[in-house]
PDB file of N, CA and C in Angstrom:
ATOM      1  N   MET A   1      -8.761  -3.170  -8.992  1.00  0.00           N
ATOM      2  CA  MET A   1      -7.308  -3.254  -8.717  1.00  0.00           C
ATOM      3  C   MET A   1      -6.630  -1.945  -9.184  1.00  0.00           C
ATOM      4  N   GLU A   2      -5.695  -1.513  -8.469  1.00  0.00           N
ATOM      5  CA  GLU A   2      -4.991  -0.255  -8.570  1.00  0.00           C
ATOM      6  C   GLU A   2      -3.966  -0.481  -9.670  1.00  0.00           C
ATOM      7  N   GLN A   3      -3.879   0.559 -10.594  1.00  0.00           N
ATOM      8  CA  GLN A   3      -2.984   0.625 -11.720  1.00  0.00           C
ATOM      9  C   GLN A   3      -1.619   0.680 -11.232  1.00  0.00           C
ATOM     10  N   ARG A   4      -0.780   0.113 -11.853  1.00  0.00           N
ATOM     11  CA  ARG A   4       0.687   0.034 -11.615  1.00  0.00           C
ATOM     12  C   ARG A   4       1.274   1.472 -12.039  1.00  0.00           C
ATOM     13  N   LYS A   5       2.140   1.921 -11.171  1.00  0.00           N
ATOM     14  CA  LYS A   5       2.663   3.161 -11.339  1.00  0.00           C
ATOM     15  C   LYS A   5       4.014   2.985 -12.426  1.00  0.00           C
ATOM     16  N   GLN A   6       4.201   4.006 -13.300  1.00  0.00           N
ATOM     17  CA  GLN A   6       5.262   4.026 -14.253  1.00  0.00           C
ATOM     18  C   GLN A   6       6.484   4.644 -13.589  1.00  0.00           C
ATOM     19  N   THR A   7       7.712   3.924 -13.713  1.00  0.00           N
ATOM     20  CA  THR A   7       8.910   4.563 -13.343  1.00  0.00           C
ATOM     21  C   THR A   7       9.370   5.620 -14.291  1.00  0.00           C
ATOM     22  N   ALA A   8      10.291   6.457 -13.715  1.00  0.00           N
ATOM     23  CA  ALA A   8      10.776   7.537 -14.668  1.00  0.00           C
ATOM     24  C   ALA A   8      11.562   6.997 -15.903  1.00  0.00           C
ATOM     25  N   VAL A   9      12.155   5.781 -15.746  1.00  0.00           N
ATOM     26  CA  VAL A   9      12.936   5.131 -16.730  1.00  0.00           C
ATOM     27  C   VAL A   9      12.040   4.612 -17.745  1.00  0.00           C
ATOM     28  N   GLU A  10      11.003   4.025 -17.382  1.00  0.00           N
ATOM     29  CA  GLU A  10       9.950   3.475 -18.265  1.00  0.00           C
ATOM     30  C   GLU A  10       9.297   4.516 -19.048  1.00  0.00           C
ATOM     31  N   TRP A  11       9.139   5.506 -18.338  1.00  0.00           N
ATOM     32  CA  TRP A  11       8.362   6.909 -19.065  1.00  0.00           C
ATOM     33  C   TRP A  11       9.391   7.325 -20.196  1.00  0.00           C
ATOM     34  N   LEU A  12      10.756   7.429 -19.946  1.00  0.00           N
ATOM     35  CA  LEU A  12      11.672   7.992 -20.843  1.00  0.00           C
ATOM     36  C   LEU A  12      11.696   7.191 -22.039  1.00  0.00           C
ATOM     37  N   VAL A  13      11.942   5.900 -21.764  1.00  0.00           N
ATOM     38  CA  VAL A  13      12.029   4.949 -22.901  1.00  0.00           C
ATOM     39  C   VAL A  13      10.866   5.058 -23.712  1.00  0.00           C
ATOM     40  N   ILE A  14       9.582   5.002 -23.212  1.00  0.00           N
ATOM     41  CA  ILE A  14       8.481   5.057 -24.098  1.00  0.00           C
ATOM     42  C   ILE A  14       8.285   6.434 -24.660  1.00  0.00           C
ATOM     43  N   HIS A  15       8.538   7.543 -24.035  1.00  0.00           N
ATOM     44  CA  HIS A  15       8.661   8.863 -24.647  1.00  0.00           C
ATOM     45  C   HIS A  15       9.670   8.939 -25.830  1.00  0.00           C
ATOM     46  N   LEU A  16      10.871   8.365 -25.683  1.00  0.00           N
ATOM     47  CA  LEU A  16      11.888   8.486 -26.777  1.00  0.00           C
ATOM     48  C   LEU A  16      11.421   7.564 -27.806  1.00  0.00           C
ATOM     49  N   ALA A  17      10.751   6.348 -27.605  1.00  0.00           N
ATOM     50  CA  ALA A  17      10.265   5.576 -28.664  1.00  0.00           C
ATOM     51  C   ALA A  17       9.260   6.163 -29.540  1.00  0.00           C
ATOM     52  N   LYS A  18       8.223   6.803 -28.918  1.00  0.00           N
ATOM     53  CA  LYS A  18       7.173   7.487 -29.598  1.00  0.00           C
ATOM     54  C   LYS A  18       7.643   8.644 -30.472  1.00  0.00           C
ATOM     55  N   LYS A  19       8.944   9.159 -30.400  1.00  0.00           N
ATOM     56  CA  LYS A  19       9.377  10.132 -31.302  1.00  0.00           C
ATOM     57  C   LYS A  19       9.715   9.532 -32.757  1.00  0.00           C
ATOM     58  N   HIS A  20       9.769   8.215 -32.825  1.00  0.00           N
ATOM     59  CA  HIS A  20      10.090   7.480 -33.998  1.00  0.00           C
ATOM     60  C   HIS A  20       8.951   6.654 -34.512  1.00  0.00           C
ATOM     61  N   ASN A  21       9.108   6.190 -35.787  1.00  0.00           N
ATOM     62  CA  ASN A  21       8.032   5.314 -36.325  1.00  0.00           C
ATOM     63  C   ASN A  21       8.348   3.887 -35.468  1.00  0.00           C
ATOM     64  N   GLU A  22       7.372   3.033 -35.833  1.00  0.00           N
ATOM     65  CA  GLU A  22       7.361   1.672 -35.144  1.00  0.00           C
ATOM     66  C   GLU A  22       8.677   0.874 -35.272  1.00  0.00           C
ATOM     67  N   PHE A  23       9.205   0.758 -36.367  1.00  0.00           N
ATOM     68  CA  PHE A  23      10.398   0.156 -36.642  1.00  0.00           C
ATOM     69  C   PHE A  23      11.540   0.790 -35.865  1.00  0.00           C
ATOM     70  N   GLN A  24      11.676   2.123 -36.043  1.00  0.00           N
ATOM     71  CA  GLN A  24      12.891   2.799 -35.346  1.00  0.00           C
ATOM     72  C   GLN A  24      12.656   2.601 -33.958  1.00  0.00           C
ATOM     73  N   ALA A  25      11.428   2.641 -33.308  1.00  0.00           N
ATOM     74  CA  ALA A  25      11.311   2.396 -31.866  1.00  0.00           C
ATOM     75  C   ALA A  25      11.705   1.033 -31.391  1.00  0.00           C
ATOM     76  N   LEU A  26      11.465   0.014 -32.167  1.00  0.00           N
ATOM     77  CA  LEU A  26      11.906  -1.344 -31.918  1.00  0.00           C
ATOM     78  C   LEU A  26      13.414  -1.449 -32.063  1.00  0.00           C
ATOM     79  N   THR A  27      13.943  -0.762 -33.017  1.00  0.00           N
ATOM     80  CA  THR A  27      15.397  -0.777 -33.253  1.00  0.00           C
ATOM     81  C   THR A  27      16.054  -0.025 -31.985  1.00  0.00           C
ATOM     82  N   PHE A  28      15.404   1.098 -31.567  1.00  0.00           N
ATOM     83  CA  PHE A  28      16.065   1.868 -30.489  1.00  0.00           C
ATOM     84  C   PHE A  28      16.046   0.938 -29.146  1.00  0.00           C
ATOM     85  N   TYR A  29      14.880   0.366 -28.967  1.00  0.00           N
ATOM     86  CA  TYR A  29      14.832  -0.506 -27.670  1.00  0.00           C
ATOM     87  C   TYR A  29      15.754  -1.738 -27.921  1.00  0.00           C
ATOM     88  N   HIS A  30      15.900  -2.412 -29.023  1.00  0.00           N
ATOM     89  CA  HIS A  30      16.969  -3.396 -29.281  1.00  0.00           C
ATOM     90  C   HIS A  30      18.396  -2.974 -28.995  1.00  0.00           C
ATOM     91  N   ASP A  31      18.775  -1.737 -29.692  1.00  0.00           N
ATOM     92  CA  ASP A  31      20.063  -1.203 -29.579  1.00  0.00           C
ATOM     93  C   ASP A  31      20.423  -0.847 -28.188  1.00  0.00           C
ATOM     94  N   HIS A  32      19.565  -0.473 -27.367  1.00  0.00           N
ATOM     95  CA  HIS A  32      19.739   0.198 -26.090  1.00  0.00           C
ATOM     96  C   HIS A  32      19.405  -0.644 -24.963  1.00  0.00           C
ATOM     97  N   HIS A  33      18.853  -1.831 -25.197  1.00  0.00           N
ATOM     98  CA  HIS A  33      18.306  -2.938 -24.243  1.00  0.00           C
ATOM     99  C   HIS A  33      19.170  -2.926 -22.974  1.00  0.00           C
ATOM    100  N   GLU A  34      20.455  -3.297 -23.030  1.00  0.00           N
ATOM    101  CA  GLU A  34      21.364  -3.337 -21.764  1.00  0.00           C
ATOM    102  C   GLU A  34      21.330  -2.012 -21.157  1.00  0.00           C
ATOM    103  N   GLU A  35      21.434  -0.766 -21.752  1.00  0.00           N
ATOM    104  CA  GLU A  35      21.471   0.417 -20.923  1.00  0.00           C
ATOM    105  C   GLU A  35      20.154   0.630 -20.219  1.00  0.00           C
ATOM    106  N   ILE A  36      19.021   0.153 -20.865  1.00  0.00           N
ATOM    107  CA  ILE A  36      17.630   0.330 -20.291  1.00  0.00           C
ATOM    108  C   ILE A  36      17.519  -0.548 -19.071  1.00  0.00           C
ATOM    109  N   LYS A  37      18.067  -1.836 -19.323  1.00  0.00           N
ATOM    110  CA  LYS A  37      17.937  -2.801 -18.218  1.00  0.00           C
ATOM    111  C   LYS A  37      18.711  -2.210 -16.969  1.00  0.00           C
ATOM    112  N   GLN A  38      20.004  -1.700 -17.219  1.00  0.00           N
ATOM    113  CA  GLN A  38      20.814  -1.215 -16.184  1.00  0.00           C
ATOM    114  C   GLN A  38      20.363  -0.056 -15.561  1.00  0.00           C
ATOM    115  N   ALA A  39      19.584   0.954 -16.261  1.00  0.00           N
ATOM    116  CA  ALA A  39      18.953   2.008 -15.571  1.00  0.00           C
ATOM    117  C   ALA A  39      17.916   1.687 -14.838  1.00  0.00           C
ATOM    118  N   LYS A  40      16.990   0.682 -15.266  1.00  0.00           N
ATOM    119  CA  LYS A  40      15.802   0.066 -14.446  1.00  0.00           C
ATOM    120  C   LYS A  40      16.427  -0.528 -13.130  1.00  0.00           C
ATOM    121  N   GLN A  41      17.478  -1.307 -13.230  1.00  0.00           N
ATOM    122  CA  GLN A  41      18.056  -1.825 -11.976  1.00  0.00           C
ATOM    123  C   GLN A  41      18.549  -0.764 -11.075  1.00  0.00           C
ATOM    124  N   MET A  42      19.169   0.185 -11.472  1.00  0.00           N
ATOM    125  CA  MET A  42      19.700   1.371 -10.687  1.00  0.00           C
ATOM    126  C   MET A  42      18.490   2.026  -9.975  1.00  0.00           C
ATOM    127  N   GLU A  43      17.459   2.261 -10.755  1.00  0.00           N
ATOM    128  CA  GLU A  43      16.245   3.032 -10.323  1.00  0.00           C
ATOM    129  C   GLU A  43      15.577   2.190  -9.132  1.00  0.00           C
ATOM    130  N   ARG A  44      15.508   0.907  -9.483  1.00  0.00           N
ATOM    131  CA  ARG A  44      14.723  -0.190  -8.431  1.00  0.00           C
ATOM    132  C   ARG A  44      15.671  -0.085  -7.192  1.00  0.00           C
ATOM    133  N   SER A  45      16.942  -0.030  -7.255  1.00  0.00           N
ATOM    134  CA  SER A  45      17.752  -0.074  -5.807  1.00  0.00           C
ATOM    135  C   SER A  45      17.517   1.257  -5.166  1.00  0.00           C
ATOM    136  N   GLN A  46      17.551   2.421  -6.009  1.00  0.00           N
ATOM    137  CA  GLN A  46      17.398   3.723  -5.373  1.00  0.00           C
ATOM    138  C   GLN A  46      16.054   3.865  -4.767  1.00  0.00           C
ATOM    139  N   ILE A  47      14.914   3.427  -5.363  1.00  0.00           N
ATOM    140  CA  ILE A  47      13.606   3.316  -4.780  1.00  0.00           C
ATOM    141  C   ILE A  47      13.593   2.620  -3.516  1.00  0.00           C
ATOM    142  N   GLN A  48      14.200   1.258  -3.580  1.00  0.00           N
ATOM    143  CA  GLN A  48      14.096   0.314  -2.406  1.00  0.00           C
ATOM    144  C   GLN A  48      14.972   0.972  -1.269  1.00  0.00           C
ATOM    145  N   GLU A  49      16.188   1.600  -1.567  1.00  0.00           N
ATOM    146  CA  GLU A  49      16.854   2.194  -0.487  1.00  0.00           C
ATOM    147  C   GLU A  49      16.224   3.340   0.133  1.00  0.00           C
ATOM    148  N   SER A  50      15.568   4.224  -0.654  1.00  0.00           N
ATOM    149  CA  SER A  50      14.769   5.291  -0.146  1.00  0.00           C
ATOM    150  C   SER A  50      13.700   4.846   0.710  1.00  0.00           C
ATOM    151  N   TYR A  51      12.932   3.814   0.222  1.00  0.00           N
ATOM    152  CA  TYR A  51      11.898   3.269   1.143  1.00  0.00           C
ATOM    153  C   TYR A  51      12.350   2.838   2.417  1.00  0.00           C
ATOM    154  N   CYS A  52      13.557   2.082   2.439  1.00  0.00           N
ATOM    155  CA  CYS A  52      14.129   1.503   3.603  1.00  0.00           C
ATOM    156  C   CYS A  52      14.617   2.656   4.599  1.00  0.00           C
ATOM    157  N   ASP A  53      15.215   3.673   3.911  1.00  0.00           N
ATOM    158  CA  ASP A  53      15.600   4.939   4.792  1.00  0.00           C
ATOM    159  C   ASP A  53      14.505   5.571   5.385  1.00  0.00           C
ATOM    160  N   GLY A  54      13.405   5.740   4.566  1.00  0.00           N
ATOM    161  CA  GLY A  54      12.204   6.435   5.172  1.00  0.00           C
ATOM    162  C   GLY A  54      11.509   5.486   6.277  1.00  0.00           C
ATOM    163  N   PHE A  55      11.477   4.175   6.160  1.00  0.00           N
ATOM    164  CA  PHE A  55      11.038   3.299   7.156  1.00  0.00           C
ATOM    165  C   PHE A  55      11.856   3.528   8.417  1.00  0.00           C
ATOM    166  N   ASP A  56      13.177   3.286   8.291  1.00  0.00           N
ATOM    167  CA  ASP A  56      14.038   3.600   9.473  1.00  0.00           C
ATOM    168  C   ASP A  56      13.874   4.918  10.169  1.00  0.00           C
ATOM    169  N   ASP A  57      13.725   6.007   9.431  1.00  0.00           N
ATOM    170  CA  ASP A  57      13.543   7.277   9.886  1.00  0.00           C
ATOM    171  C   ASP A  57      12.233   7.375  10.679  1.00  0.00           C
ATOM    172  N   GLY A  58      11.141   6.821  10.056  1.00  0.00           N
ATOM    173  CA  GLY A  58       9.844   6.770  10.697  1.00  0.00           C
ATOM    174  C   GLY A  58       9.932   6.048  12.069  1.00  0.00           C
ATOM    175  N   TYR A  59      10.647   4.882  12.095  1.00  0.00           N
ATOM    176  CA  TYR A  59      10.915   4.315  13.434  1.00  0.00           C
ATOM    177  C   TYR A  59      11.527   5.093  14.425  1.00  0.00           C
ATOM    178  N   LEU A  60      12.577   5.838  13.978  1.00  0.00           N
ATOM    179  CA  LEU A  60      13.232   6.584  14.819  1.00  0.00           C
ATOM    180  C   LEU A  60      12.463   7.772  15.429  1.00  0.00           C
ATOM    181  N   LEU A  61      11.723   8.470  14.470  1.00  0.00           N
ATOM    182  CA  LEU A  61      10.773   9.479  14.842  1.00  0.00           C
ATOM    183  C   LEU A  61       9.742   8.931  15.904  1.00  0.00           C
ATOM    184  N   ALA A  62       9.288   7.902  15.688  1.00  0.00           N
ATOM    185  CA  ALA A  62       8.189   7.261  16.475  1.00  0.00           C
ATOM    186  C   ALA A  62       8.741   6.896  18.050  1.00  0.00           C
ATOM    187  N   ASN A  63       9.924   6.807  18.024  1.00  0.00           N
ATOM    188  CA  ASN A  63      10.542   6.464  19.281  1.00  0.00           C
ATOM    189  C   ASN A  63      11.360   7.699  19.910  1.00  0.00           C
ATOM    190  N   GLY A  64      11.016   8.892  19.331  1.00  0.00           N
ATOM    191  CA  GLY A  64      11.651  10.088  19.884  1.00  0.00           C
ATOM    192  C   GLY A  64      12.999  10.316  19.658  1.00  0.00           C
ATOM    193  N   GLU A  65      13.608   9.670  18.582  1.00  0.00           N
ATOM    194  CA  GLU A  65      15.105   9.804  18.314  1.00  0.00           C
ATOM    195  C   GLU A  65      15.329  10.595  17.184  1.00  0.00           C
ATOM    196  N   ASP A  66      16.517  11.104  16.973  1.00  0.00           N
ATOM    197  CA  ASP A  66      16.799  12.092  15.881  1.00  0.00           C
ATOM    198  C   ASP A  66      17.067  11.232  14.599  1.00  0.00           C
ATOM    199  N   THR A  67      16.770  11.788  13.466  1.00  0.00           N
ATOM    200  CA  THR A  67      16.868  11.274  12.227  1.00  0.00           C
ATOM    201  C   THR A  67      17.925  11.752  11.548  1.00  0.00           C
ATOM    202  N   GLU A  68      18.428  11.213  10.405  1.00  0.00           N
ATOM    203  CA  GLU A  68      19.469  11.723   9.762  1.00  0.00           C
ATOM    204  C   GLU A  68      19.023  12.921   8.754  1.00  0.00           C
ATOM    205  N   PHE A  69      17.881  12.835   8.261  1.00  0.00           N
ATOM    206  CA  PHE A  69      17.379  14.039   7.469  1.00  0.00           C
ATOM    207  C   PHE A  69      16.130  14.525   7.940  1.00  0.00           C
ATOM    208  N   ASP A  70      15.908  15.741   7.878  1.00  0.00           N
ATOM    209  CA  ASP A  70      14.600  16.422   8.407  1.00  0.00           C
ATOM    210  C   ASP A  70      13.634  16.455   7.380  1.00  0.00           C
ATOM    211  N   ASP A  71      13.991  16.545   6.065  1.00  0.00           N
ATOM    212  CA  ASP A  71      13.085  16.562   4.923  1.00  0.00           C
ATOM    213  C   ASP A  71      13.470  15.919   3.757  1.00  0.00           C
ATOM    214  N   CYS A  72      12.586  15.516   2.848  1.00  0.00           N
ATOM    215  CA  CYS A  72      12.907  15.034   1.530  1.00  0.00           C
ATOM    216  C   CYS A  72      13.832  15.736   0.754  1.00  0.00           C
ATOM    217  N   TYR A  73      13.783  17.129   0.679  1.00  0.00           N
ATOM    218  CA  TYR A  73      14.581  17.906  -0.124  1.00  0.00           C
ATOM    219  C   TYR A  73      16.146  17.738   0.258  1.00  0.00           C
ATOM    220  N   LEU A  74      16.359  17.770   1.608  1.00  0.00           N
ATOM    221  CA  LEU A  74      17.801  17.628   2.093  1.00  0.00           C
ATOM    222  C   LEU A  74      18.254  16.206   1.886  1.00  0.00           C
ATOM    223  N   TYR A  75      17.280  15.248   2.028  1.00  0.00           N
ATOM    224  CA  TYR A  75      17.758  13.792   1.640  1.00  0.00           C
ATOM    225  C   TYR A  75      18.209  13.730   0.121  1.00  0.00           C
ATOM    226  N   TYR A  76      17.448  14.423  -0.799  1.00  0.00           N
ATOM    227  CA  TYR A  76      17.724  14.254  -2.119  1.00  0.00           C
ATOM    228  C   TYR A  76      19.180  15.156  -2.315  1.00  0.00           C
ATOM    229  N   GLN A  77      19.375  16.210  -1.869  1.00  0.00           N
ATOM    230  CA  GLN A  77      20.531  16.934  -1.916  1.00  0.00           C
ATOM    231  C   GLN A  77      21.769  16.246  -1.482  1.00  0.00           C
ATOM    232  N   GLU A  78      21.524  15.588  -0.342  1.00  0.00           N
ATOM    233  CA  GLU A  78      22.690  14.904   0.261  1.00  0.00           C
ATOM    234  C   GLU A  78      22.982  13.563  -0.450  1.00  0.00           C
ATOM    235  N   THR A  79      22.018  12.888  -1.064  1.00  0.00           N
ATOM    236  CA  THR A  79      22.160  11.622  -1.834  1.00  0.00           C
ATOM    237  C   THR A  79      22.517  11.772  -3.102  1.00  0.00           C
ATOM    238  N   TYR A  80      21.879  12.566  -3.874  1.00  0.00           N
ATOM    239  CA  TYR A  80      22.088  12.565  -5.211  1.00  0.00           C
ATOM    240  C   TYR A  80      22.766  13.919  -5.816  1.00  0.00           C
ATOM    241  N   GLY A  81      22.993  14.854  -4.824  1.00  0.00           N
ATOM    242  CA  GLY A  81      23.697  16.184  -5.353  1.00  0.00           C
ATOM    243  C   GLY A  81      22.827  17.157  -5.657  1.00  0.00           C
ATOM    244  N   LYS A  82      23.340  18.285  -6.167  1.00  0.00           N
ATOM    245  CA  LYS A  82      22.558  19.472  -6.415  1.00  0.00           C
ATOM    246  C   LYS A  82      22.146  19.413  -7.837  1.00  0.00           C
TER     247      LYS A  82
END
């Protein structure tokens, strides 16, 4: 079975928690639980939207139609800014 990938938000939470002792890490997670939950939801929505955009562009390309973005770098710039 393939190992599940870690999201950027999950990595950040774990990385910040490791900078503290076990009690402080638990306190950090408890104190920021709602912000972490919101960030994970935002990240999930961004990943899902990006997947759908890529799927739609792939369909357009397969049918010889123009797509909104020619590459992932332009997509990122237009979607999330510089």
